[in-house]
Amino acid sequence: MRCPYCGFQESKVVDSRPAEEGQSIRRRRECLSCTKRFTTYETVESLPLVVIKRDGSRQTFDRDKILRGMVRACEKRPVPYAELEAAASDIEQLLQNSLEREVSTERIGELVMDKLKPLDEVSYVRFASVYRQFKDINSFMSELNKLLEDNE
């Protein structure tokens, strides 16, 4: 790490501690040349995810957008917000770990439904009805029948 005061290339770490709720590490360093101290922050580099929408357009992945959709599906249902946040974080982590930098909205929708199903079946059906864009009552009923078969 280059010293901001004298430009010397080497320094030693004097103190390290977590910062920003564990998202980074704060390090106090001392220059080996001028002995002045300075602070650096170390964070994990995350590569941006690009979402490919149904119309072919692309936009940057937004975890909050997933969370808002899940909250909307769970409106007036007994699902703790903390569980929805954990599910959204799990989805984001799965996508980051996949090493693919582009992901389709279909893939994200399926992951959301996989997380909602064990939390609350009514919320799952609400989300599925919007996500799958049911055209008529028969397509809606077929999804409900699948849900009933899974419960047996």
Protein backbone atom coordinates (compact mmCIF):
# COMPACT_ATOMS: atom_id res chain seq x y z
CA MET A 1 0.00 0.00 0.00
CA ARG A 2 1.50 3.34 -1.07
CA CYS A 3 1.87 5.94 1.70
CA PRO A 4 -0.33 9.00 1.02
CA TYR A 5 2.26 11.29 2.63
CA CYS A 6 5.61 10.26 1.14
CA GLY A 7 4.62 7.75 -1.57
CA PHE A 8 6.72 4.93 -0.14
CA GLN A 9 5.51 1.51 -1.34
CA GLU A 10 5.63 -0.44 1.92
CA SER A 11 3.73 -0.15 5.18
CA LYS A 12 2.84 -2.36 8.10
CA VAL A 13 -0.61 -3.04 9.50
CA VAL A 14 -0.91 -1.71 13.07
CA ASP A 15 -4.60 -2.51 13.71
CA SER A 16 -7.45 -4.29 11.88
CA ARG A 17 -11.12 -4.32 12.73
CA PRO A 18 -14.45 -4.92 10.98
CA ALA A 19 -16.22 -1.90 9.53
CA GLU A 20 -19.61 -1.20 7.93
CA GLU A 21 -21.33 -4.07 9.76
CA GLY A 22 -18.72 -6.61 8.67
CA GLN A 23 -18.85 -5.65 4.98
CA SER A 24 -15.29 -4.33 5.03
CA ILE A 25 -12.15 -4.29 7.15
CA ARG A 26 -10.62 -1.07 8.46
CA ARG A 27 -6.83 -1.19 8.68
CA ARG A 28 -4.53 1.29 10.39
CA ARG A 29 -1.18 1.27 8.64
CA GLU A 30 2.19 2.81 9.39
CA CYS A 31 4.58 3.82 6.63
CA LEU A 32 7.96 2.12 6.96
CA SER A 33 9.73 5.22 5.63
CA CYS A 34 8.15 8.31 7.25
CA THR A 35 6.35 6.44 10.12
CA LYS A 36 3.12 8.37 9.57
CA ARG A 37 -0.13 6.47 10.00
CA PHE A 38 -3.07 6.22 7.64
CA THR A 39 -6.29 4.22 7.31
CA THR A 40 -7.34 1.89 4.50
CA TYR A 41 -10.53 -0.11 3.93
CA GLU A 42 -10.61 -3.54 2.36
CA THR A 43 -13.81 -4.78 0.71
CA VAL A 44 -14.78 -7.72 -1.43
CA GLU A 45 -14.92 -6.82 -5.08
CA SER A 46 -18.27 -7.77 -6.53
CA LEU A 47 -18.79 -7.92 -10.24
CA PRO A 48 -21.98 -6.28 -11.46
CA LEU A 49 -24.82 -8.55 -12.49
CA VAL A 50 -26.87 -7.63 -15.54
CA VAL A 51 -30.52 -8.67 -15.75
CA ILE A 52 -31.93 -9.52 -19.17
CA LYS A 53 -35.58 -8.56 -19.20
CA ARG A 54 -38.32 -10.25 -21.22
CA ASP A 55 -38.23 -7.53 -23.89
CA GLY A 56 -34.48 -8.05 -24.33
CA SER A 57 -33.43 -4.88 -22.53
CA ARG A 58 -30.75 -5.03 -19.87
CA GLN A 59 -30.43 -3.38 -16.49
CA THR A 60 -28.22 -3.67 -13.43
CA PHE A 61 -29.27 -6.24 -10.83
CA ASP A 62 -31.07 -4.68 -7.87
CA ARG A 63 -31.56 -6.79 -4.74
CA ASP A 64 -34.04 -4.27 -3.36
CA LYS A 65 -36.30 -4.79 -6.37
CA ILE A 66 -36.52 -8.50 -5.53
CA LEU A 67 -37.21 -7.69 -1.89
CA ARG A 68 -39.98 -5.22 -2.84
CA GLY A 69 -41.65 -7.86 -5.01
CA MET A 70 -41.53 -10.39 -2.21
CA VAL A 71 -42.87 -7.88 0.31
CA ARG A 72 -45.72 -7.03 -2.06
CA ALA A 73 -46.57 -10.74 -2.46
CA CYS A 74 -46.52 -11.22 1.32
CA GLU A 75 -48.67 -8.18 2.08
CA LYS A 76 -51.06 -8.89 5.00
CA ARG A 77 -49.51 -12.35 5.46
CA PRO A 78 -47.69 -13.62 8.58
CA VAL A 79 -44.23 -13.65 7.01
CA PRO A 80 -41.47 -11.92 9.02
CA TYR A 81 -39.59 -9.22 7.10
CA ALA A 82 -36.29 -10.70 8.31
CA GLU A 83 -37.07 -13.96 6.48
CA LEU A 84 -37.78 -12.05 3.27
CA GLU A 85 -34.49 -10.15 3.62
CA ALA A 86 -32.65 -13.43 4.18
CA ALA A 87 -34.33 -14.95 1.11
CA ALA A 88 -33.39 -11.93 -1.03
CA SER A 89 -29.79 -12.17 0.21
CA ASP A 90 -29.73 -15.90 -0.56
CA ILE A 91 -30.93 -15.22 -4.10
CA GLU A 92 -28.31 -12.52 -4.61
CA GLN A 93 -25.58 -14.81 -3.26
CA LEU A 94 -26.68 -17.67 -5.54
CA LEU A 95 -26.52 -15.38 -8.55
CA GLN A 96 -23.12 -13.94 -7.56
CA ASN A 97 -21.73 -17.46 -7.02
CA SER A 98 -22.99 -18.69 -10.39
CA LEU A 99 -20.15 -16.83 -12.14
CA GLU A 100 -22.55 -15.74 -14.89
CA ARG A 101 -22.61 -11.97 -15.28
CA GLU A 102 -25.96 -11.95 -17.11
CA VAL A 103 -29.10 -13.51 -15.71
CA SER A 104 -32.63 -13.60 -17.11
CA THR A 105 -35.70 -12.36 -15.25
CA GLU A 106 -37.10 -15.87 -15.68
CA ARG A 107 -34.24 -17.32 -13.62
CA ILE A 108 -34.69 -14.69 -10.92
CA GLY A 109 -38.45 -15.27 -10.82
CA GLU A 110 -37.95 -19.02 -10.38
CA LEU A 111 -35.50 -18.43 -7.53
CA VAL A 112 -37.95 -16.06 -5.82
CA MET A 113 -40.75 -18.63 -6.13
CA ASP A 114 -38.45 -21.34 -4.73
CA LYS A 115 -37.80 -19.14 -1.68
CA LEU A 116 -41.43 -18.03 -1.21
CA LYS A 117 -42.99 -21.48 -1.45
CA PRO A 118 -41.74 -22.78 1.94
CA LEU A 119 -42.36 -19.41 3.62
CA ASP A 120 -46.01 -18.92 2.67
CA GLU A 121 -48.03 -20.68 -0.01
CA VAL A 122 -50.49 -17.81 -0.49
CA SER A 123 -47.61 -15.41 -1.11
CA TYR A 124 -46.09 -17.93 -3.48
CA VAL A 125 -49.34 -18.07 -5.52
CA ARG A 126 -49.62 -14.27 -5.51
CA PHE A 127 -46.09 -13.90 -6.83
CA ALA A 128 -46.55 -16.69 -9.37
CA SER A 129 -49.74 -15.11 -10.70
CA VAL A 130 -47.92 -11.88 -11.50
CA TYR A 131 -44.65 -13.51 -12.60
CA ARG A 132 -46.20 -16.16 -14.82
CA GLN A 133 -48.85 -13.74 -16.13
CA PHE A 134 -51.74 -16.20 -15.94
CA LYS A 135 -54.01 -15.56 -18.90
CA ASP A 136 -57.12 -17.28 -17.55
CA ILE A 137 -58.53 -19.22 -14.60
CA ASN A 138 -57.39 -22.58 -16.03
CA SER A 139 -53.69 -21.66 -15.96
CA PHE A 140 -54.17 -20.33 -12.42
CA MET A 141 -55.91 -23.56 -11.36
CA SER A 142 -53.16 -25.72 -12.85
CA GLU A 143 -50.60 -23.89 -10.68
CA LEU A 144 -52.79 -24.41 -7.60
CA ASN A 145 -53.15 -28.09 -8.45
CA LYS A 146 -49.36 -28.44 -8.68
CA LEU A 147 -49.09 -26.83 -5.26
CA LEU A 148 -51.67 -29.25 -3.83
CA GLU A 149 -49.85 -32.25 -5.33
CA ASP A 150 -46.58 -31.11 -3.76
CA ASN A 151 -48.24 -30.95 -0.33
CA GLU A 152 -49.52 -34.53 -0.49
